[in-house]
Amino acid sequence: MRVPGPDHPIAIMPYRGRVVVRVEGRVIADTRAALRLAEASYPAAFYIPRADADMAALARSDHHTYCPYKGECSYFSIPGERGVNAVWSYEAPYPAVAAIKDHLAFYPDRVEIEAEPST
């Protein structure tokens, strides 16, 4: 396990606006409680509470990866051509990123993510 630091920063901040995730026009997630995770030089990602996602629209995948900063990552698929392993989740994240537990993130090239600023 590695701890985020100056050589590999990770910042998790509440996103104050609304985030909606759609697949082929169908709303998969809709929240005002998203987290925005910025990690090193990677593009920032929205992490959406599972409670605000249509979990019935997701199928757990056998695919898993590992991040030395966040831990073991599980994947879900969404029906559709580009939906295989389109959603990821750290179900038991390391302490430094514990805030993303019970959240989902979506690959932006496989779904439509609309982030509205807070009003």
N, C-alpha and C. Protein backbone atom coordinates (compact mmCIF):
# COMPACT_ATOMS: atom_id res chain seq x y z
N MET A 1 0.85 -1.18 0.00
CA MET A 1 0.00 0.00 0.00
C MET A 1 0.89 1.24 0.00
N ARG A 2 0.56 2.17 -0.91
CA ARG A 2 1.27 3.43 -0.97
C ARG A 2 0.35 4.55 -0.49
N VAL A 3 0.96 5.57 0.08
CA VAL A 3 0.20 6.71 0.59
C VAL A 3 0.39 7.88 -0.38
N PRO A 4 -0.71 8.52 -0.79
CA PRO A 4 -0.57 9.69 -1.67
C PRO A 4 0.32 10.75 -1.03
N GLY A 5 1.08 11.43 -1.87
CA GLY A 5 1.97 12.47 -1.38
C GLY A 5 2.37 13.37 -2.53
N PRO A 6 3.40 14.18 -2.34
CA PRO A 6 3.81 15.13 -3.38
C PRO A 6 4.15 14.48 -4.72
N ASP A 7 4.69 13.25 -4.69
CA ASP A 7 5.06 12.58 -5.94
C ASP A 7 3.85 11.93 -6.62
N HIS A 8 2.77 11.70 -5.88
CA HIS A 8 1.54 11.12 -6.42
C HIS A 8 0.36 11.63 -5.60
N PRO A 9 -0.04 12.88 -5.85
CA PRO A 9 -1.15 13.45 -5.05
C PRO A 9 -2.51 12.90 -5.44
N ILE A 10 -3.36 12.77 -4.45
CA ILE A 10 -4.77 12.42 -4.66
C ILE A 10 -5.59 13.37 -3.81
N ALA A 11 -6.51 14.08 -4.46
CA ALA A 11 -7.40 14.99 -3.75
C ALA A 11 -8.83 14.57 -4.01
N ILE A 12 -9.62 14.46 -2.95
CA ILE A 12 -11.03 14.10 -3.06
C ILE A 12 -11.84 15.26 -2.49
N MET A 13 -12.70 15.82 -3.35
CA MET A 13 -13.49 16.98 -2.94
C MET A 13 -14.95 16.76 -3.28
N PRO A 14 -15.86 17.21 -2.42
CA PRO A 14 -17.28 17.15 -2.79
C PRO A 14 -17.52 18.03 -4.01
N TYR A 15 -18.34 17.54 -4.92
CA TYR A 15 -18.74 18.34 -6.08
C TYR A 15 -20.08 18.96 -5.73
N ARG A 16 -20.17 20.25 -5.79
CA ARG A 16 -21.35 20.98 -5.30
C ARG A 16 -22.52 21.00 -6.28
N GLY A 17 -22.31 20.56 -7.49
CA GLY A 17 -23.39 20.56 -8.48
C GLY A 17 -24.01 19.19 -8.65
N ARG A 18 -24.82 19.08 -9.66
CA ARG A 18 -25.50 17.82 -9.98
C ARG A 18 -24.70 17.08 -11.04
N VAL A 19 -24.61 15.76 -10.90
CA VAL A 19 -23.96 14.90 -11.89
C VAL A 19 -24.96 13.85 -12.32
N VAL A 20 -25.16 13.76 -13.65
CA VAL A 20 -26.07 12.77 -14.22
C VAL A 20 -25.27 11.91 -15.20
N VAL A 21 -25.44 10.61 -15.09
CA VAL A 21 -24.78 9.66 -15.99
C VAL A 21 -25.86 8.96 -16.80
N ARG A 22 -25.69 8.98 -18.12
CA ARG A 22 -26.66 8.34 -19.03
C ARG A 22 -25.93 7.36 -19.95
N VAL A 23 -26.68 6.34 -20.34
CA VAL A 23 -26.22 5.38 -21.35
C VAL A 23 -27.35 5.28 -22.36
N GLU A 24 -27.05 5.67 -23.58
CA GLU A 24 -28.04 5.63 -24.66
C GLU A 24 -29.36 6.29 -24.23
N GLY A 25 -29.24 7.42 -23.55
CA GLY A 25 -30.40 8.19 -23.12
C GLY A 25 -31.00 7.78 -21.79
N ARG A 26 -30.63 6.62 -21.28
CA ARG A 26 -31.17 6.12 -20.01
C ARG A 26 -30.33 6.63 -18.84
N VAL A 27 -30.98 7.19 -17.84
CA VAL A 27 -30.26 7.68 -16.66
C VAL A 27 -29.83 6.49 -15.81
N ILE A 28 -28.53 6.41 -15.56
CA ILE A 28 -27.96 5.34 -14.75
C ILE A 28 -27.66 5.86 -13.34
N ALA A 29 -27.33 7.14 -13.24
CA ALA A 29 -27.05 7.75 -11.94
C ALA A 29 -27.40 9.23 -12.00
N ASP A 30 -27.87 9.74 -10.87
CA ASP A 30 -28.26 11.14 -10.77
C ASP A 30 -28.00 11.55 -9.32
N THR A 31 -27.10 12.49 -9.10
CA THR A 31 -26.72 12.83 -7.73
C THR A 31 -26.34 14.29 -7.57
N ARG A 32 -26.48 14.76 -6.37
CA ARG A 32 -25.94 16.05 -5.93
C ARG A 32 -24.92 15.80 -4.82
N ALA A 33 -24.46 14.55 -4.71
CA ALA A 33 -23.52 14.17 -3.66
C ALA A 33 -22.27 13.52 -4.23
N ALA A 34 -21.89 13.87 -5.44
CA ALA A 34 -20.70 13.28 -6.06
C ALA A 34 -19.43 13.77 -5.40
N LEU A 35 -18.41 12.96 -5.51
CA LEU A 35 -17.06 13.36 -5.12
C LEU A 35 -16.25 13.49 -6.39
N ARG A 36 -15.34 14.45 -6.40
CA ARG A 36 -14.43 14.62 -7.55
C ARG A 36 -13.04 14.22 -7.07
N LEU A 37 -12.49 13.17 -7.69
CA LEU A 37 -11.18 12.67 -7.31
C LEU A 37 -10.17 13.08 -8.38
N ALA A 38 -9.17 13.83 -7.96
CA ALA A 38 -8.07 14.23 -8.85
C ALA A 38 -6.83 13.48 -8.38
N GLU A 39 -6.25 12.70 -9.29
CA GLU A 39 -5.10 11.86 -8.95
C GLU A 39 -3.95 12.12 -9.91
N ALA A 40 -2.85 12.59 -9.34
CA ALA A 40 -1.62 12.83 -10.11
C ALA A 40 -1.95 13.54 -11.42
N SER A 41 -1.49 13.00 -12.54
CA SER A 41 -1.71 13.65 -13.84
C SER A 41 -2.91 13.06 -14.59
N TYR A 42 -3.67 12.17 -13.95
CA TYR A 42 -4.83 11.56 -14.59
C TYR A 42 -5.99 12.56 -14.64
N PRO A 43 -6.89 12.40 -15.61
CA PRO A 43 -8.09 13.25 -15.62
C PRO A 43 -8.91 13.00 -14.35
N ALA A 44 -9.50 14.04 -13.81
CA ALA A 44 -10.33 13.90 -12.61
C ALA A 44 -11.53 13.01 -12.93
N ALA A 45 -12.02 12.30 -11.91
CA ALA A 45 -13.17 11.41 -12.08
C ALA A 45 -14.21 11.72 -11.02
N PHE A 46 -15.48 11.60 -11.41
CA PHE A 46 -16.57 11.74 -10.45
C PHE A 46 -16.84 10.37 -9.83
N TYR A 47 -16.99 10.35 -8.53
CA TYR A 47 -17.39 9.15 -7.80
C TYR A 47 -18.78 9.42 -7.25
N ILE A 48 -19.72 8.57 -7.63
CA ILE A 48 -21.14 8.77 -7.34
C ILE A 48 -21.59 7.75 -6.30
N PRO A 49 -22.30 8.20 -5.27
CA PRO A 49 -22.79 7.24 -4.27
C PRO A 49 -23.65 6.15 -4.92
N ARG A 50 -23.44 4.93 -4.50
CA ARG A 50 -24.24 3.82 -5.04
C ARG A 50 -25.73 4.06 -4.80
N ALA A 51 -26.06 4.72 -3.72
CA ALA A 51 -27.46 4.99 -3.40
C ALA A 51 -28.12 5.86 -4.47
N ASP A 52 -27.32 6.60 -5.24
CA ASP A 52 -27.85 7.48 -6.28
C ASP A 52 -27.70 6.89 -7.69
N ALA A 53 -27.38 5.61 -7.75
CA ALA A 53 -27.22 4.92 -9.04
C ALA A 53 -28.28 3.82 -9.17
N ASP A 54 -28.63 3.52 -10.40
CA ASP A 54 -29.55 2.43 -10.68
C ASP A 54 -28.73 1.14 -10.72
N MET A 55 -28.54 0.54 -9.55
CA MET A 55 -27.70 -0.65 -9.47
C MET A 55 -28.28 -1.82 -10.25
N ALA A 56 -29.61 -1.83 -10.48
CA ALA A 56 -30.24 -2.89 -11.26
C ALA A 56 -29.80 -2.82 -12.72
N ALA A 57 -29.29 -1.67 -13.16
CA ALA A 57 -28.83 -1.50 -14.55
C ALA A 57 -27.39 -1.97 -14.73
N LEU A 58 -26.73 -2.32 -13.63
CA LEU A 58 -25.32 -2.71 -13.67
C LEU A 58 -25.18 -4.20 -13.39
N ALA A 59 -24.27 -4.84 -14.10
CA ALA A 59 -23.98 -6.25 -13.87
C ALA A 59 -22.54 -6.38 -13.38
N ARG A 60 -22.37 -6.98 -12.22
CA ARG A 60 -21.01 -7.16 -11.68
C ARG A 60 -20.18 -7.98 -12.65
N SER A 61 -18.97 -7.55 -12.86
CA SER A 61 -18.04 -8.21 -13.77
C SER A 61 -17.04 -9.05 -12.98
N ASP A 62 -16.40 -9.98 -13.64
CA ASP A 62 -15.32 -10.74 -13.01
C ASP A 62 -13.99 -9.99 -13.06
N HIS A 63 -13.98 -8.86 -13.76
CA HIS A 63 -12.75 -8.08 -13.94
C HIS A 63 -12.37 -7.35 -12.66
N HIS A 64 -11.10 -7.39 -12.31
CA HIS A 64 -10.58 -6.68 -11.14
C HIS A 64 -9.22 -6.11 -11.49
N THR A 65 -8.88 -4.98 -10.90
CA THR A 65 -7.55 -4.41 -11.03
C THR A 65 -7.09 -3.98 -9.64
N TYR A 66 -5.85 -3.53 -9.57
CA TYR A 66 -5.30 -3.11 -8.29
C TYR A 66 -4.57 -1.79 -8.46
N CYS A 67 -4.80 -0.88 -7.54
CA CYS A 67 -4.09 0.39 -7.49
C CYS A 67 -3.34 0.43 -6.16
N PRO A 68 -2.04 0.66 -6.16
CA PRO A 68 -1.31 0.68 -4.90
C PRO A 68 -1.71 1.83 -3.97
N TYR A 69 -2.41 2.83 -4.51
CA TYR A 69 -2.84 3.97 -3.69
C TYR A 69 -4.28 3.84 -3.21
N LYS A 70 -5.10 3.08 -3.95
CA LYS A 70 -6.52 2.99 -3.61
C LYS A 70 -6.95 1.58 -3.21
N GLY A 71 -6.29 0.56 -3.69
CA GLY A 71 -6.63 -0.82 -3.34
C GLY A 71 -7.20 -1.61 -4.50
N GLU A 72 -7.93 -2.66 -4.16
CA GLU A 72 -8.55 -3.56 -5.14
C GLU A 72 -9.77 -2.89 -5.76
N CYS A 73 -9.87 -2.98 -7.08
CA CYS A 73 -10.95 -2.32 -7.80
C CYS A 73 -11.84 -3.37 -8.46
N SER A 74 -13.15 -3.24 -8.24
CA SER A 74 -14.14 -4.11 -8.86
C SER A 74 -14.81 -3.36 -10.01
N TYR A 75 -15.38 -4.11 -10.95
CA TYR A 75 -15.99 -3.51 -12.14
C TYR A 75 -17.41 -4.00 -12.34
N PHE A 76 -18.18 -3.16 -13.03
CA PHE A 76 -19.53 -3.47 -13.43
C PHE A 76 -19.67 -3.17 -14.92
N SER A 77 -20.56 -3.88 -15.57
CA SER A 77 -20.86 -3.61 -16.97
C SER A 77 -22.27 -3.06 -17.09
N ILE A 78 -22.47 -2.30 -18.16
CA ILE A 78 -23.76 -1.71 -18.48
C ILE A 78 -24.18 -2.28 -19.82
N PRO A 79 -25.47 -2.61 -20.00
CA PRO A 79 -25.90 -3.11 -21.31
C PRO A 79 -25.54 -2.11 -22.42
N GLY A 80 -25.14 -2.64 -23.54
CA GLY A 80 -24.77 -1.80 -24.67
C GLY A 80 -23.39 -2.17 -25.19
N GLU A 81 -23.13 -1.72 -26.37
CA GLU A 81 -21.89 -2.08 -27.06
C GLU A 81 -20.62 -1.68 -26.31
N ARG A 82 -20.63 -0.50 -25.70
CA ARG A 82 -19.43 0.00 -25.04
C ARG A 82 -19.48 -0.15 -23.53
N GLY A 83 -20.43 -0.93 -23.02
CA GLY A 83 -20.65 -0.98 -21.59
C GLY A 83 -19.84 -1.97 -20.79
N VAL A 84 -19.03 -2.81 -21.44
CA VAL A 84 -18.26 -3.82 -20.71
C VAL A 84 -17.25 -3.14 -19.80
N ASN A 85 -17.33 -3.46 -18.52
CA ASN A 85 -16.41 -2.90 -17.51
C ASN A 85 -16.37 -1.37 -17.54
N ALA A 86 -17.49 -0.75 -17.78
CA ALA A 86 -17.56 0.71 -17.91
C ALA A 86 -17.63 1.42 -16.56
N VAL A 87 -17.82 0.67 -15.50
CA VAL A 87 -18.01 1.25 -14.17
C VAL A 87 -17.03 0.58 -13.21
N TRP A 88 -16.40 1.39 -12.36
CA TRP A 88 -15.50 0.79 -11.38
C TRP A 88 -15.82 1.29 -9.99
N SER A 89 -15.35 0.50 -8.99
CA SER A 89 -15.63 0.82 -7.60
C SER A 89 -14.54 0.22 -6.71
N TYR A 90 -14.11 1.00 -5.74
CA TYR A 90 -13.19 0.50 -4.71
C TYR A 90 -14.06 0.19 -3.50
N GLU A 91 -14.37 -1.09 -3.32
CA GLU A 91 -15.32 -1.48 -2.28
C GLU A 91 -14.70 -1.49 -0.89
N ALA A 92 -13.39 -1.63 -0.81
CA ALA A 92 -12.67 -1.56 0.46
C ALA A 92 -11.41 -0.72 0.24
N PRO A 93 -11.58 0.57 -0.02
CA PRO A 93 -10.43 1.42 -0.36
C PRO A 93 -9.47 1.59 0.82
N TYR A 94 -8.23 1.91 0.49
CA TYR A 94 -7.25 2.18 1.53
C TYR A 94 -7.66 3.42 2.33
N PRO A 95 -7.18 3.54 3.57
CA PRO A 95 -7.59 4.65 4.44
C PRO A 95 -7.43 6.05 3.84
N ALA A 96 -6.41 6.28 3.06
CA ALA A 96 -6.17 7.62 2.50
C ALA A 96 -7.28 8.07 1.54
N VAL A 97 -8.02 7.12 1.00
CA VAL A 97 -9.10 7.44 0.05
C VAL A 97 -10.43 6.82 0.51
N ALA A 98 -10.59 6.65 1.80
CA ALA A 98 -11.77 5.98 2.36
C ALA A 98 -13.07 6.64 1.92
N ALA A 99 -13.05 7.90 1.57
CA ALA A 99 -14.27 8.63 1.17
C ALA A 99 -14.94 8.02 -0.06
N ILE A 100 -14.20 7.30 -0.90
CA ILE A 100 -14.80 6.75 -2.13
C ILE A 100 -15.47 5.40 -1.91
N LYS A 101 -15.45 4.89 -0.68
CA LYS A 101 -16.17 3.64 -0.38
C LYS A 101 -17.65 3.85 -0.69
N ASP A 102 -18.27 2.82 -1.23
CA ASP A 102 -19.70 2.85 -1.59
C ASP A 102 -20.01 3.85 -2.70
N HIS A 103 -19.02 4.13 -3.54
CA HIS A 103 -19.18 5.03 -4.69
C HIS A 103 -18.82 4.28 -5.98
N LEU A 104 -19.31 4.80 -7.09
CA LEU A 104 -19.03 4.26 -8.42
C LEU A 104 -18.42 5.35 -9.28
N ALA A 105 -17.55 4.96 -10.18
CA ALA A 105 -17.00 5.88 -11.18
C ALA A 105 -17.25 5.27 -12.56
N PHE A 106 -17.37 6.15 -13.55
CA PHE A 106 -17.74 5.72 -14.90
C PHE A 106 -16.72 6.21 -15.91
N TYR A 107 -16.35 5.36 -16.87
CA TYR A 107 -15.45 5.80 -17.94
C TYR A 107 -16.19 6.78 -18.84
N PRO A 108 -15.69 8.01 -18.95
CA PRO A 108 -16.42 9.03 -19.72
C PRO A 108 -16.49 8.77 -21.22
N ASP A 109 -15.67 7.86 -21.73
CA ASP A 109 -15.76 7.54 -23.16
C ASP A 109 -16.78 6.44 -23.44
N ARG A 110 -17.42 5.93 -22.37
CA ARG A 110 -18.40 4.85 -22.54
C ARG A 110 -19.80 5.25 -22.11
N VAL A 111 -19.90 6.35 -21.38
CA VAL A 111 -21.19 6.87 -20.93
C VAL A 111 -21.19 8.38 -21.15
N GLU A 112 -22.36 8.98 -21.01
CA GLU A 112 -22.46 10.43 -21.07
C GLU A 112 -22.53 10.94 -19.63
N ILE A 113 -21.57 11.78 -19.26
CA ILE A 113 -21.56 12.37 -17.92
C ILE A 113 -21.82 13.86 -18.06
N GLU A 114 -22.90 14.29 -17.42
CA GLU A 114 -23.26 15.68 -17.43
C GLU A 114 -23.06 16.25 -16.02
N ALA A 115 -22.14 17.18 -15.89
CA ALA A 115 -21.86 17.79 -14.59
C ALA A 115 -22.34 19.23 -14.63
N GLU A 116 -23.39 19.51 -13.87
CA GLU A 116 -23.94 20.86 -13.79
C GLU A 116 -23.33 21.56 -12.59
N PRO A 117 -22.88 22.78 -12.77
CA PRO A 117 -22.36 23.50 -11.59
C PRO A 117 -23.47 23.80 -10.61
N SER A 118 -23.07 24.01 -9.36
CA SER A 118 -24.08 24.32 -8.34
C SER A 118 -24.68 25.69 -8.62
N THR A 119 -25.92 25.86 -8.20
CA THR A 119 -26.60 27.14 -8.41
C THR A 119 -26.78 27.88 -7.11
